[in-house]
Structure formats: C-alpha cells, structure tokens
C-alpha cells in the first residue's frame, strides 16, 4: 500500500522572507562557499571530514575563531561540525539576521542571551556547489544534522542532505528546456532546484512533511518561489495522478529493507515495500504521468536472484512499462555487503551495540535468503515515452568504471542519436556525413617487431568512456571521418584501398558505424 504523508512537524526550518533576505546576506558576507570552507580547513582536515573524522576540522576552525575568518569559522563549527559556539561569535556571523533571527528560522537554539552563552545548530546548513548539464550551481542547503554532528543514530524521519546518489542523479539528468518537471521524493529539494533552472514549473512530492518543509526553506533561500516550485505531500505518483510532465526525476527510497521487528525504517531511504518493489512500481508506472517524448530518470536497487543475470529481472520491468528504456548498472553488492552498508548508514555499528547490530544483520540476511537473492544491483534508469508507436530503445548494460560527469548532455545526445538511427536506413546512412567527436582518440598496440598493429581501439574520452575495438576497415573509416565525404564515398574509397568489394566493406563497417553514432563517438554533420 502507498505510504501516507507524515504529520507536520515544527522541528524544521521556517520561511520568513525578510529574515531569509538577511540570512542570505549574512552567508554571502561571511564567504560561506564550498571553496572558502575547503581553504579554511585545509587539505588534511577536509580529507578527514570526508572520512567522517571531525577532529582536524575542529582544530582548524578553532585556530581562526578570533581572526579574519572568524565569521566563516563560526558557521562551519555550527552547521557542519555540530559544535557549540559562543553567542557573541554567532552574532558576528549573523550580523543582519542575528541569533534571534536564526532561532526564529529554526536553524539554531541558544542557551541564553549573554555573549558567552552557547549556541548550537539544530539543522545542517552548508554551501553546495555542483555542475550539471546546464552549467554550475551555487546554493546553500539545509537538512538534518548527521550522526557526525549529533553522535546519535539517525531519527527515522531524518531529512537527508546531498549525498553521492543525489549528486549522481543531478549530473546524469538531461537539461534541455522542459515545460513541467516532477521531482518524485524531493527530500531536501535538491533535484527540484536543479530542475527549476531549465523548466517553466516544477512539482516536488514527498511523504514526509519535514522533508517538504526543508525543501520549501531551501527553495526560498535559493530565490525559487512557489510560482515556480509547488510542493505536495503524498506517496509515489498519487499526488500527481492524471497530470503529465516532460521530465520526471527521482532519487526514490529504494533501499531494500527487511520488514522485521527491530529494523528501523527511514523516510528518506525506505519505501515501505518488500524487496525491490518500489523501483519496479516506478519503472512500470511512471509512463502514466509522462507526456509523449517525456523522459524519466531515476536511481534504483534491484535484486539479482540465484541463477539469473541482473538484466533479466530489470528487463521484465522495461517490457511491462511499455517505454523506451536504458539501464546502466553501476555496482553489484552481495547481500552481506549490502546489509552492512545500510545498517551503518542508519548510525548503527558493532562497536556501539553488538547485540543490536547482530540482530539487524541477521534480519537483512534472512530477508534476502527468503527470496534467494544472490546480489543487489545499483544503477541509473532512463525511460522515455515514445512520441508514437511502440518503444524502440531497450539497453541494459554494465558500466562500473568512472563516469565523466556531468553526463546529462551525453545521455540526451545518445537518445537523439538513437532516434536518428531508427529513421535512417542504410541508403540514408550512406548519404550522411560524419565527423569524429572531439574527445575520441585512437590507440594502436603492436606485437614487437610487427609493422602492423594487432589491436586498434577507438576510445571515448568523455561520456561513458567507451572503447571499441576496430578492424582495419573500421579504423580506416573513422580516421577519414572529417565531414567532407559521405559515408558511401568513404566506404568506396576504403574498398578500393583494400582491394575488396564495396558491399563487403559496407557489411563489415555499417553495423559498427551505427554503434559509434549511437554512443557519440561519431557525430552526424548537419
């Protein structure tokens, strides 16, 4: 059953326009940016903080609390490290909004009104800087304090900040101009903010009233008003039933959690379904809210059952969806590794409570064993509702290497190339003019003493970093693709050089040529 929205909560940031204007000026005046924080901390403390070790950062910020960077140091100690800071130092950091204003906004709590009384953060508020397919962004984002700052396990209605999954989704999302965008499971609102830059209107949904409050605050702080971002409470697609969107993005609560006593469920990661059902429901159901030509992009986990390949299960979802589908599996974990990852994510460790750790661990392993799960995949799912007719795109591939982010423009170009190829027969392809993409290089490998290479690789420098092994004819063809001659002319020239029939060269080259165009190694010249 769909999960109901949680009741409104008072322990989330509040939006007061005048105070938000003052807060924005304070954060700007203190130089509270990602580069400035990293410069303040230095490489040693920054690296340690990424490993969840705050001590070097606490030492680094303590050294400058009375110096030129005192305002910045106070903000870092408050909101990033969760440390207590004297009120007088916080007043300097909040020169316009003041401590009392920050309290009214729900950002801090103060022990008293004297200069030496301590102030502590009740939320995490930090700068955010990223690049997506539409360019760079620079905001401040509020979320719940993490375990590093509180020293406690996460509350079940924890509102997560920007993590690796959020960044991945933002960077792989297509960013061409859209009319209406849906951010399903908006959380703190990060995907909605990205979408607001290239769409007329964005709708963000979530089951958590606290998450919606954080998203509303973050949007207001970023200058994105309710006329551009509408937030709705509800589960899955229920809040937008009967509506249509040009783009749907979702970092859904895809974690596969056992439904067992003693295993906490977190709003931000657990969708209330058994196994991987929530991702299956999204894949098979999202087409109902997509405009023709509309794209849906989401992250997900899927179970890999014993004796099955990962793409068999996900392929069944694509078949049921009736949409164009492209799935890239990025990682595959065994059940034990997966359980350890997500139990720790909730703040439980064997050092803190060995018995509780063991009980949760056993519950996760029992749950996977009940469905004969041998592995859990994680990846990126891109779906598209065809403009007309049945789906024509069905790609399921594994790419575990480094991605050249942001990837959104590359994925969009691949979708466009697929459409061009679908409407282009071999005769039309022979008349086309192609050029080699600027990030493509050729690698040749020789056996010692040989005059000819034994292996030729055509390698993509960006995108998915594909490497294609090319035979003599294909390597010669790619090397000659400068846009001047048509494909058919190049095939004829290569056939003459090799002393073979042009039809034989075409039969050898054209299928691989289509793959190179589809994947962006060769570009169609207008």
Protein backbone atom coordinates (compact mmCIF):
# COMPACT_ATOMS: atom_id res chain seq x y z
CA UNK A 1 0.00 0.00 0.00
CA UNK A 2 1.19 3.57 -0.61
CA UNK A 3 2.60 5.27 2.43
CA UNK A 4 0.70 8.19 3.91
CA UNK A 5 2.27 11.59 4.46
CA UNK A 6 3.70 12.11 7.92
CA UNK A 7 2.15 14.73 10.17
CA UNK A 8 3.52 18.28 10.01
CA UNK A 9 6.45 18.88 12.32
CA UNK A 10 7.66 22.05 14.00
CA UNK A 11 11.32 20.98 14.13
CA UNK A 12 12.15 22.03 10.59
CA UNK A 13 13.29 25.36 9.14
CA UNK A 14 10.71 28.08 8.65
CA UNK A 15 10.45 30.64 5.88
CA UNK A 16 10.14 34.33 6.73
CA UNK A 17 11.01 36.41 3.66
CA UNK A 18 12.66 39.34 5.46
CA UNK A 19 14.75 37.06 7.66
CA UNK A 20 15.72 34.91 4.69
CA UNK A 21 16.97 38.00 2.87
CA UNK A 22 19.06 38.89 5.91
CA UNK A 23 20.34 35.31 6.23
CA UNK A 24 21.33 35.23 2.56
CA UNK A 25 23.29 38.46 3.05
CA UNK A 26 24.99 37.04 6.15
CA UNK A 27 26.06 33.82 4.42
CA UNK A 28 27.36 35.80 1.46
CA UNK A 29 29.16 38.29 3.68
CA UNK A 30 30.88 35.52 5.63
CA UNK A 31 32.09 33.96 2.39
CA UNK A 32 30.30 30.72 3.17
CA UNK A 33 31.11 28.87 -0.06
CA UNK A 34 32.48 25.43 -0.83
CA UNK A 35 35.95 26.70 -1.92
CA UNK A 36 36.20 29.02 1.10
CA UNK A 37 35.33 26.22 3.53
CA UNK A 38 37.86 23.88 1.95
CA UNK A 39 40.50 26.61 2.03
CA UNK A 40 39.73 27.36 5.69
CA UNK A 41 40.01 23.71 6.70
CA UNK A 42 43.00 22.85 4.54
CA UNK A 43 43.56 19.56 2.71
CA UNK A 44 44.26 17.44 5.81
CA UNK A 45 41.11 18.45 7.72
CA UNK A 46 38.96 18.40 4.57
CA UNK A 47 40.06 14.88 3.72
CA UNK A 48 39.47 13.72 7.29
CA UNK A 49 35.99 15.27 7.29
CA UNK A 50 35.11 13.33 4.14
CA UNK A 51 36.02 10.21 6.15
CA UNK A 52 33.63 11.32 8.94
CA UNK A 53 36.51 12.36 11.22
CA UNK A 54 35.78 15.88 12.58
CA UNK A 55 38.70 16.45 14.95
CA UNK A 56 41.14 18.01 12.43
CA UNK A 57 38.36 20.34 11.23
CA UNK A 58 37.51 21.33 14.81
CA UNK A 59 41.17 22.14 15.44
CA UNK A 60 41.49 24.08 12.18
CA UNK A 61 38.41 26.23 12.84
CA UNK A 62 39.33 26.84 16.50
CA UNK A 63 42.60 28.47 15.40
CA UNK A 64 40.78 31.20 13.42
CA UNK A 65 37.80 31.94 15.67
CA UNK A 66 39.31 35.30 16.60
CA UNK A 67 40.87 36.15 13.23
CA UNK A 68 39.88 37.43 9.82
CA UNK A 69 37.87 34.27 9.02
CA UNK A 70 36.04 34.20 12.37
CA UNK A 71 32.57 34.51 10.81
CA UNK A 72 33.23 31.66 8.39
CA UNK A 73 34.76 29.51 11.12
CA UNK A 74 31.72 30.05 13.35
CA UNK A 75 29.36 28.91 10.59
CA UNK A 76 31.44 25.81 9.84
CA UNK A 77 31.63 24.86 13.51
CA UNK A 78 27.89 25.36 13.94
CA UNK A 79 26.38 23.81 10.86
CA UNK A 80 28.96 21.38 9.51
CA UNK A 81 30.61 20.11 12.69
CA UNK A 82 27.71 20.47 15.14
CA UNK A 83 29.91 22.20 17.74
CA UNK A 84 28.74 24.68 20.35
CA UNK A 85 29.77 28.26 19.54
CA UNK A 86 29.67 31.31 21.89
CA UNK A 87 26.74 33.59 21.19
CA UNK A 88 28.98 36.61 20.56
CA UNK A 89 30.75 34.76 17.73
CA UNK A 90 27.44 33.71 16.20
CA UNK A 91 26.12 37.27 16.42
CA UNK A 92 29.11 38.38 14.34
CA UNK A 93 28.39 35.68 11.75
CA UNK A 94 24.70 36.63 11.64
CA UNK A 95 25.33 40.37 11.51
CA UNK A 96 21.95 41.11 9.88
CA UNK A 97 19.66 38.26 10.88
CA UNK A 98 21.08 37.89 14.39
CA UNK A 99 20.97 34.88 16.68
CA UNK A 100 17.33 35.57 17.47
CA UNK A 101 16.52 35.63 13.76
CA UNK A 102 18.31 32.32 13.24
CA UNK A 103 16.30 30.88 16.13
CA UNK A 104 13.06 32.08 14.55
CA UNK A 105 14.05 30.44 11.29
CA UNK A 106 14.60 27.16 13.12
CA UNK A 107 18.33 26.98 12.40
CA UNK A 108 19.85 27.22 15.89
CA UNK A 109 18.97 27.14 19.57
CA UNK A 110 20.56 29.46 22.14
CA UNK A 111 21.24 28.63 25.79
CA UNK A 112 20.94 32.27 26.88
CA UNK A 113 21.34 35.90 25.87
CA UNK A 114 24.85 36.54 27.23
CA UNK A 115 27.90 36.69 25.00
CA UNK A 116 29.46 33.54 26.44
CA UNK A 117 26.24 31.51 26.34
CA UNK A 118 26.46 28.77 23.76
CA UNK A 119 24.55 28.45 20.53
CA UNK A 120 24.13 25.14 18.78
CA UNK A 121 22.74 24.26 15.36
CA UNK A 122 19.56 22.26 15.05
CA UNK A 123 19.98 21.75 11.30
CA UNK A 124 22.83 21.20 8.89
CA UNK A 125 23.21 24.27 6.67
CA UNK A 126 26.11 24.24 4.25
CA UNK A 127 27.15 25.57 0.86
CA UNK A 128 26.51 23.43 -2.19
CA UNK A 129 28.37 23.72 -5.48
CA UNK A 130 27.94 21.43 -8.47
CA UNK A 131 27.94 21.21 -12.24
CA UNK A 132 25.17 19.65 -14.27
CA UNK A 133 24.41 19.60 -17.99
CA UNK A 134 23.01 23.15 -17.74
CA UNK A 135 26.08 24.62 -16.05
CA UNK A 136 27.23 25.31 -12.50
CA UNK A 137 25.11 25.99 -9.42
CA UNK A 138 25.93 27.60 -6.08
CA UNK A 139 23.37 27.44 -3.25
CA UNK A 140 23.07 26.81 0.48
CA UNK A 141 21.12 23.74 1.55
CA UNK A 142 19.58 22.83 4.89
CA UNK A 143 18.99 19.26 6.05
CA UNK A 144 19.01 17.37 9.32
CA UNK A 145 22.25 17.13 11.24
CA UNK A 146 24.02 13.87 10.60
CA UNK A 147 25.48 11.36 13.01
CA UNK A 148 28.87 13.07 12.86
CA UNK A 149 27.38 16.23 14.39
CA UNK A 150 24.92 14.63 16.82
CA UNK A 151 26.79 11.49 17.87
CA UNK A 152 23.49 9.60 17.71
CA UNK A 153 21.78 7.22 15.32
CA UNK A 154 19.54 8.95 12.81
CA UNK A 155 15.88 9.59 13.58
CA UNK A 156 13.52 7.68 11.32
CA UNK A 157 12.13 10.91 9.80
CA UNK A 158 15.66 12.17 9.10
CA UNK A 159 15.86 14.56 6.14
CA UNK A 160 19.00 13.77 4.20
CA UNK A 161 21.26 16.38 2.67
CA UNK A 162 23.13 15.99 -0.60
CA UNK A 163 24.93 12.66 -0.85
CA UNK A 164 26.63 10.75 -3.61
CA UNK A 165 23.36 9.43 -5.05
CA UNK A 166 21.82 12.93 -5.16
CA UNK A 167 24.85 14.31 -6.97
CA UNK A 168 24.88 11.42 -9.44
CA UNK A 169 21.23 11.94 -10.35
CA UNK A 170 21.66 15.69 -10.75
CA UNK A 171 24.60 15.16 -13.07
CA UNK A 172 23.03 12.46 -15.27
CA UNK A 173 19.72 14.28 -15.75
CA UNK A 174 19.03 15.69 -19.20
CA UNK A 175 18.85 19.50 -19.01
CA UNK A 176 17.28 20.64 -22.25
CA UNK A 177 14.39 23.08 -21.87
CA UNK A 178 11.28 21.49 -20.31
CA UNK A 179 7.81 22.80 -19.54
CA UNK A 180 6.83 20.79 -16.44
CA UNK A 181 9.15 18.69 -14.26
CA UNK A 182 8.22 16.29 -11.45
CA UNK A 183 10.70 15.59 -8.64
CA UNK A 184 9.26 12.47 -7.02
CA UNK A 185 10.54 12.04 -3.46
CA UNK A 186 12.06 15.51 -3.34
CA UNK A 187 13.64 15.23 0.12
CA UNK A 188 15.52 18.45 0.84
CA UNK A 189 14.63 19.65 -2.67
CA UNK A 190 17.96 19.39 -4.44
CA UNK A 191 16.67 17.82 -7.68
CA UNK A 192 13.80 20.32 -7.81
CA UNK A 193 16.25 23.21 -7.52
CA UNK A 194 18.35 21.85 -10.38
CA UNK A 195 15.21 21.41 -12.49
CA UNK A 196 14.00 24.94 -11.76
CA UNK A 197 16.81 26.30 -13.92
CA UNK A 198 15.58 24.75 -17.18
CA UNK A 199 11.81 24.39 -16.79
CA UNK A 200 8.74 26.58 -16.52
CA UNK A 201 7.37 24.83 -13.45
CA UNK A 202 8.47 22.10 -11.04
CA UNK A 203 6.35 19.93 -8.76
CA UNK A 204 8.07 18.21 -5.84
CA UNK A 205 6.40 15.43 -3.87
CA UNK A 206 7.29 13.56 -0.69
CA UNK A 207 5.59 11.51 2.01
CA UNK A 208 7.46 13.44 4.71
CA UNK A 209 6.09 16.77 5.91
CA UNK A 210 9.52 17.52 7.41
CA UNK A 211 11.20 16.93 4.05
CA UNK A 212 8.74 19.28 2.36
CA UNK A 213 9.46 21.95 5.00
CA UNK A 214 13.20 21.66 4.32
CA UNK A 215 12.60 21.77 0.55
CA UNK A 216 10.42 24.88 0.95
CA UNK A 217 13.13 26.59 3.02
CA UNK A 218 15.90 25.67 0.58
CA UNK A 219 13.90 26.88 -2.40
CA UNK A 220 13.13 30.20 -0.69
CA UNK A 221 16.77 30.66 0.29
CA UNK A 222 17.77 29.99 -3.35
CA UNK A 223 15.20 32.51 -4.60
CA UNK A 224 12.88 29.91 -6.14
CA UNK A 225 9.34 30.90 -5.24
CA UNK A 226 6.10 28.87 -5.05
CA UNK A 227 5.15 30.14 -8.50
CA UNK A 228 7.98 28.01 -9.90
CA UNK A 229 8.13 25.16 -7.37
CA UNK A 230 4.99 23.58 -5.98
CA UNK A 231 5.39 21.07 -3.14
CA UNK A 232 2.82 18.35 -2.47
CA UNK A 233 2.52 15.66 0.19
CA UNK A 234 1.79 12.09 -0.80
CA UNK A 235 3.13 8.69 -1.77
CA UNK A 236 4.60 7.75 -5.11
CA UNK A 237 2.56 9.08 -8.05
CA UNK A 238 -0.64 9.67 -6.09
CA UNK A 239 -0.21 13.48 -5.69
CA UNK A 240 0.06 13.94 -9.49
CA UNK A 241 -2.42 11.35 -10.73
CA UNK A 242 -3.94 12.44 -14.04
CA UNK A 243 -1.24 15.03 -14.77
CA UNK A 244 1.56 14.96 -17.34
CA UNK A 245 5.21 16.04 -17.19
CA UNK A 246 8.00 16.44 -19.72
CA UNK A 247 10.62 15.23 -17.24
CA UNK A 248 10.40 13.12 -14.09
CA UNK A 249 13.40 12.78 -11.80
CA UNK A 250 13.53 10.62 -8.72
CA UNK A 251 16.05 9.52 -6.15
CA UNK A 252 13.40 7.29 -4.55
CA UNK A 253 13.57 5.45 -1.22
CA UNK A 254 14.98 2.40 -2.99
CA UNK A 255 16.87 0.70 -0.16
CA UNK A 256 15.79 -2.93 0.23
CA UNK A 257 14.99 -3.15 3.95
CA UNK A 258 13.59 -6.19 5.78
CA UNK A 259 10.12 -5.74 7.26
CA UNK A 260 11.10 -7.14 10.63
CA UNK A 261 10.84 -6.07 14.26
CA UNK A 262 13.86 -4.11 15.44
CA UNK A 263 14.84 -2.90 11.96
CA UNK A 264 14.16 0.85 11.69
CA UNK A 265 12.59 2.31 8.55
CA UNK A 266 13.83 5.71 7.44
CA UNK A 267 11.61 8.01 5.40
CA UNK A 268 14.47 9.08 3.14
CA UNK A 269 15.50 5.60 2.05
CA UNK A 270 12.76 3.04 2.79
CA UNK A 271 9.70 2.98 0.56
CA UNK A 272 7.57 0.67 2.68
CA UNK A 273 7.64 -2.14 0.11
CA UNK A 274 9.15 -5.62 0.23
CA UNK A 275 12.28 -6.24 -1.80
CA UNK A 276 12.76 -4.02 -4.83
CA UNK A 277 9.04 -3.48 -5.41
CA UNK A 278 9.18 0.32 -5.15
CA UNK A 279 11.63 0.63 -8.06
CA UNK A 280 9.61 -1.86 -10.10
CA UNK A 281 6.44 0.17 -9.43
CA UNK A 282 8.13 3.37 -10.57
CA UNK A 283 9.53 1.83 -13.73
CA UNK A 284 6.25 0.23 -14.73
CA UNK A 285 4.02 3.11 -13.59
CA UNK A 286 5.81 6.36 -14.40
CA UNK A 287 4.68 6.29 -18.01
CA UNK A 288 1.20 7.29 -16.80
CA UNK A 289 2.46 10.79 -15.96
CA UNK A 290 4.82 11.28 -18.93
CA UNK A 291 3.98 13.42 -21.91
CA UNK A 292 4.75 11.82 -25.30
CA UNK A 293 8.52 12.25 -25.65
CA UNK A 294 8.81 12.84 -21.90
CA UNK A 295 11.79 11.40 -20.04
CA UNK A 296 12.01 9.83 -16.57
CA UNK A 297 15.36 9.37 -14.84
CA UNK A 298 15.77 7.63 -11.53
CA UNK A 299 18.23 5.73 -9.40
CA UNK A 300 17.42 2.32 -8.01
CA UNK A 301 18.35 -1.01 -6.49
CA UNK A 302 17.23 -4.34 -7.87
CA UNK A 303 17.56 -7.87 -6.61
CA UNK A 304 19.54 -10.44 -8.57
CA UNK A 305 18.20 -13.89 -7.85
CA UNK A 306 20.36 -17.03 -7.87
CA UNK A 307 20.75 -18.45 -11.35
CA UNK A 308 19.62 -15.23 -13.07
CA UNK A 309 21.51 -12.41 -14.76
CA UNK A 310 20.81 -8.94 -13.39
CA UNK A 311 19.33 -7.69 -16.65
CA UNK A 312 16.69 -10.42 -16.80
CA UNK A 313 14.67 -9.02 -13.88
CA UNK A 314 15.08 -5.38 -14.86
CA UNK A 315 14.36 -6.25 -18.48
CA UNK A 316 10.97 -7.64 -17.42
CA UNK A 317 10.19 -4.27 -15.83
CA UNK A 318 11.03 -2.46 -19.06
CA UNK A 319 8.81 -4.83 -21.03
CA UNK A 320 5.91 -4.15 -18.65
CA UNK A 321 6.50 -0.38 -18.75
CA UNK A 322 5.96 -0.06 -22.50
CA UNK A 323 8.57 2.72 -22.59
CA UNK A 324 11.93 3.26 -24.19
CA UNK A 325 14.39 2.08 -21.56
CA UNK A 326 18.12 2.40 -20.87
CA UNK A 327 19.52 0.92 -17.67
CA UNK A 328 23.14 1.24 -16.59
CA UNK A 329 24.17 -0.97 -13.69
CA UNK A 330 26.93 0.80 -11.76
CA UNK A 331 27.55 -1.59 -8.88
CA UNK A 332 26.69 -5.08 -7.66
CA UNK A 333 26.91 -5.98 -3.95
CA UNK A 334 26.45 -9.30 -2.22
CA UNK A 335 23.72 -9.46 0.49
CA UNK A 336 26.18 -9.21 3.39
CA UNK A 337 27.97 -6.17 1.97
CA UNK A 338 24.65 -4.50 1.20
CA UNK A 339 23.33 -5.11 4.73
CA UNK A 340 26.50 -3.71 6.32
CA UNK A 341 26.34 -0.57 4.15
CA UNK A 342 22.78 0.35 5.10
CA UNK A 343 22.88 -0.65 8.75
CA UNK A 344 25.86 1.67 9.17
CA UNK A 345 24.07 4.35 7.16
CA UNK A 346 21.42 4.47 9.88
CA UNK A 347 24.04 5.05 12.56
CA UNK A 348 24.36 1.51 13.96
CA UNK A 349 27.79 -0.02 14.39
CA UNK A 350 29.03 -3.22 16.04
CA UNK A 351 31.14 -1.12 18.41
CA UNK A 352 28.14 0.84 19.68
CA UNK A 353 25.75 -2.08 20.34
CA UNK A 354 26.93 -5.50 19.26
CA UNK A 355 23.65 -7.27 20.00
CA UNK A 356 21.54 -4.74 18.07
CA UNK A 357 23.97 -4.87 15.15
CA UNK A 358 23.83 -8.68 15.04
CA UNK A 359 20.03 -8.72 15.21
CA UNK A 360 19.67 -6.28 12.33
CA UNK A 361 22.34 -8.05 10.29
CA UNK A 362 20.55 -11.38 10.70
CA UNK A 363 17.21 -9.82 9.70
CA UNK A 364 18.69 -8.45 6.46
CA UNK A 365 20.35 -11.76 5.57
CA UNK A 366 17.18 -13.74 6.37
CA UNK A 367 15.12 -11.39 4.21
CA UNK A 368 17.40 -11.81 1.20
CA UNK A 369 17.59 -15.58 1.72
CA UNK A 370 13.78 -15.81 1.72
CA UNK A 371 13.81 -14.62 -1.93
CA UNK A 372 17.01 -16.42 -2.95
CA UNK A 373 18.80 -13.13 -3.57
CA UNK A 374 22.43 -13.54 -4.61
CA UNK A 375 23.23 -9.87 -5.25
CA UNK A 376 21.82 -6.36 -5.28
CA UNK A 377 22.42 -4.07 -8.22
CA UNK A 378 22.51 -0.29 -8.21
CA UNK A 379 22.22 1.87 -11.24
CA UNK A 380 20.74 4.61 -13.39
CA UNK A 381 17.43 4.14 -15.19
CA UNK A 382 16.40 6.35 -18.11
CA UNK A 383 12.89 5.91 -19.53
CA UNK A 384 11.06 7.72 -22.29
CA UNK A 385 7.52 7.65 -23.55
CA UNK A 386 7.60 7.27 -27.35
CA UNK A 387 6.09 10.07 -29.39
CA UNK A 388 4.12 7.45 -31.30
CA UNK A 389 4.12 3.71 -31.71
CA UNK A 390 5.88 1.05 -29.64
CA UNK A 391 9.19 1.57 -27.82
CA UNK A 392 12.35 1.17 -29.90
CA UNK A 393 15.08 1.62 -27.27
CA UNK A 394 16.00 -1.19 -24.90
CA UNK A 395 19.52 -1.07 -23.49
CA UNK A 396 20.73 -2.81 -20.37
CA UNK A 397 24.45 -2.55 -19.78
CA UNK A 398 27.01 -2.63 -17.01
CA UNK A 399 29.39 0.30 -16.57
CA UNK A 400 31.38 0.09 -13.34
CA UNK A 401 34.21 2.43 -14.30
CA UNK A 402 34.45 6.15 -13.67
CA UNK A 403 31.84 8.32 -15.33
CA UNK A 404 32.80 11.62 -16.90
CA UNK A 405 30.27 13.84 -15.17
CA UNK A 406 28.09 15.72 -15.82
CA UNK A 407 26.62 13.04 -18.06
CA UNK A 408 23.20 14.52 -18.78
CA UNK A 409 24.11 16.14 -22.10
CA UNK A 410 25.77 12.91 -23.24
CA UNK A 411 22.68 10.84 -22.43
CA UNK A 412 20.46 13.35 -24.21
CA UNK A 413 22.71 13.21 -27.29
CA UNK A 414 22.60 9.40 -27.22
CA UNK A 415 18.79 9.45 -27.16
CA UNK A 416 18.75 11.83 -30.12
CA UNK A 417 21.26 9.66 -31.99
CA UNK A 418 19.12 6.59 -31.37
CA UNK A 419 16.11 8.37 -32.87
CA UNK A 420 18.14 9.45 -35.92
CA UNK A 421 19.36 5.90 -36.49
CA UNK A 422 15.85 4.48 -36.16
CA UNK A 423 14.69 6.71 -39.01
CA UNK A 424 17.81 6.19 -41.15
CA UNK A 425 18.15 3.13 -43.37
CA UNK A 426 21.45 2.05 -44.90
CA UNK A 427 20.87 4.09 -48.03
CA UNK A 428 20.28 7.24 -46.00
CA UNK A 429 23.25 6.42 -43.80
CA UNK A 430 25.44 6.11 -46.91
CA UNK A 431 24.45 9.66 -47.84
CA UNK A 432 25.21 11.08 -44.38
CA UNK A 433 28.37 12.98 -43.45
CA UNK A 434 30.04 12.11 -40.14
CA UNK A 435 32.80 13.62 -38.02
CA UNK A 436 34.79 12.18 -35.15
CA UNK A 437 33.78 13.59 -31.76
CA UNK A 438 36.40 15.84 -30.20
CA UNK A 439 37.00 13.54 -27.22
CA UNK A 440 37.80 10.45 -29.31
CA UNK A 441 41.31 9.08 -29.57
CA UNK A 442 42.84 6.05 -31.28
CA UNK A 443 45.13 3.56 -29.59
CA UNK A 444 47.28 1.08 -31.50
CA UNK A 445 49.00 -1.94 -29.98
CA UNK A 446 51.84 -3.70 -31.78
CA UNK A 447 53.43 -7.07 -31.31
CA UNK A 448 57.20 -6.49 -31.01
CA UNK A 449 58.77 -6.48 -34.48
CA UNK A 450 55.41 -6.19 -36.28
CA UNK A 451 54.80 -3.36 -38.75
CA UNK A 452 51.01 -3.56 -38.36
CA UNK A 453 49.03 -3.15 -35.13
CA UNK A 454 47.47 -6.26 -33.62
CA UNK A 455 44.77 -4.23 -31.86
CA UNK A 456 43.25 -0.83 -32.65
CA UNK A 457 40.98 0.80 -30.07
CA UNK A 458 38.79 3.82 -30.69
CA UNK A 459 38.33 5.36 -27.24
CA UNK A 460 35.85 7.92 -25.96
CA UNK A 461 37.37 10.43 -23.56
CA UNK A 462 34.08 11.70 -22.09
CA UNK A 463 30.63 10.26 -21.52
CA UNK A 464 30.74 6.61 -20.57
CA UNK A 465 34.36 6.28 -21.71
CA UNK A 466 33.64 3.52 -24.19
CA UNK A 467 36.43 1.71 -26.04
CA UNK A 468 35.63 -0.01 -29.34
CA UNK A 469 38.00 -2.48 -30.97
CA UNK A 470 38.23 -1.64 -34.66
CA UNK A 471 39.28 -3.80 -37.56
CA UNK A 472 41.30 -2.47 -40.46
CA UNK A 473 38.31 -1.17 -42.42
CA UNK A 474 36.56 0.45 -39.44
CA UNK A 475 39.78 2.05 -38.19
CA UNK A 476 40.42 3.48 -41.65
CA UNK A 477 36.85 4.72 -41.89
CA UNK A 478 36.94 6.51 -38.50
CA UNK A 479 40.28 8.06 -39.35
CA UNK A 480 38.80 9.53 -42.53
CA UNK A 481 35.62 10.94 -40.94
CA UNK A 482 36.14 14.68 -41.23
CA UNK A 483 32.67 15.53 -42.57
CA UNK A 484 33.77 16.23 -46.15
CA UNK A 485 32.88 12.92 -47.80
CA UNK A 486 29.65 10.97 -47.37
CA UNK A 487 29.68 7.56 -45.69
CA UNK A 488 29.13 5.81 -49.03
CA UNK A 489 32.08 7.64 -50.59
CA UNK A 490 34.33 6.64 -47.69
CA UNK A 491 33.22 3.02 -47.96
CA UNK A 492 34.06 3.04 -51.68
CA UNK A 493 37.47 4.57 -51.06
CA UNK A 494 38.37 2.07 -48.34
CA UNK A 495 37.20 -0.81 -50.55
CA UNK A 496 39.50 0.41 -53.32
CA UNK A 497 42.46 0.68 -50.96
CA UNK A 498 41.89 -2.81 -49.55
CA UNK A 499 41.12 -4.34 -52.94
CA UNK A 500 37.75 -5.77 -51.87
CA UNK A 501 34.14 -5.25 -52.89
CA UNK A 502 32.40 -2.15 -51.55
CA UNK A 503 29.42 -4.26 -50.45
CA UNK A 504 31.73 -6.37 -48.30
CA UNK A 505 33.19 -3.26 -46.64
CA UNK A 506 29.70 -1.87 -46.07
CA UNK A 507 28.54 -5.12 -44.47
CA UNK A 508 31.58 -5.05 -42.19
CA UNK A 509 31.55 -1.36 -41.29
CA UNK A 510 27.95 -0.12 -41.19
CA UNK A 511 26.71 -2.06 -38.13
CA UNK A 512 29.71 -0.88 -36.11
CA UNK A 513 29.27 2.59 -37.56
CA UNK A 514 25.72 2.70 -36.20
CA UNK A 515 27.05 1.79 -32.76
CA UNK A 516 29.64 4.57 -32.90
CA UNK A 517 26.98 7.12 -33.85
CA UNK A 518 24.59 5.86 -31.18
CA UNK A 519 27.25 6.15 -28.48
CA UNK A 520 28.52 9.55 -29.57
CA UNK A 521 31.94 8.64 -30.91
CA UNK A 522 30.86 9.77 -34.39
CA UNK A 523 28.64 12.80 -34.93
CA UNK A 524 26.22 13.49 -37.77
CA UNK A 525 27.22 16.63 -39.67
CA UNK A 526 24.18 18.87 -40.30
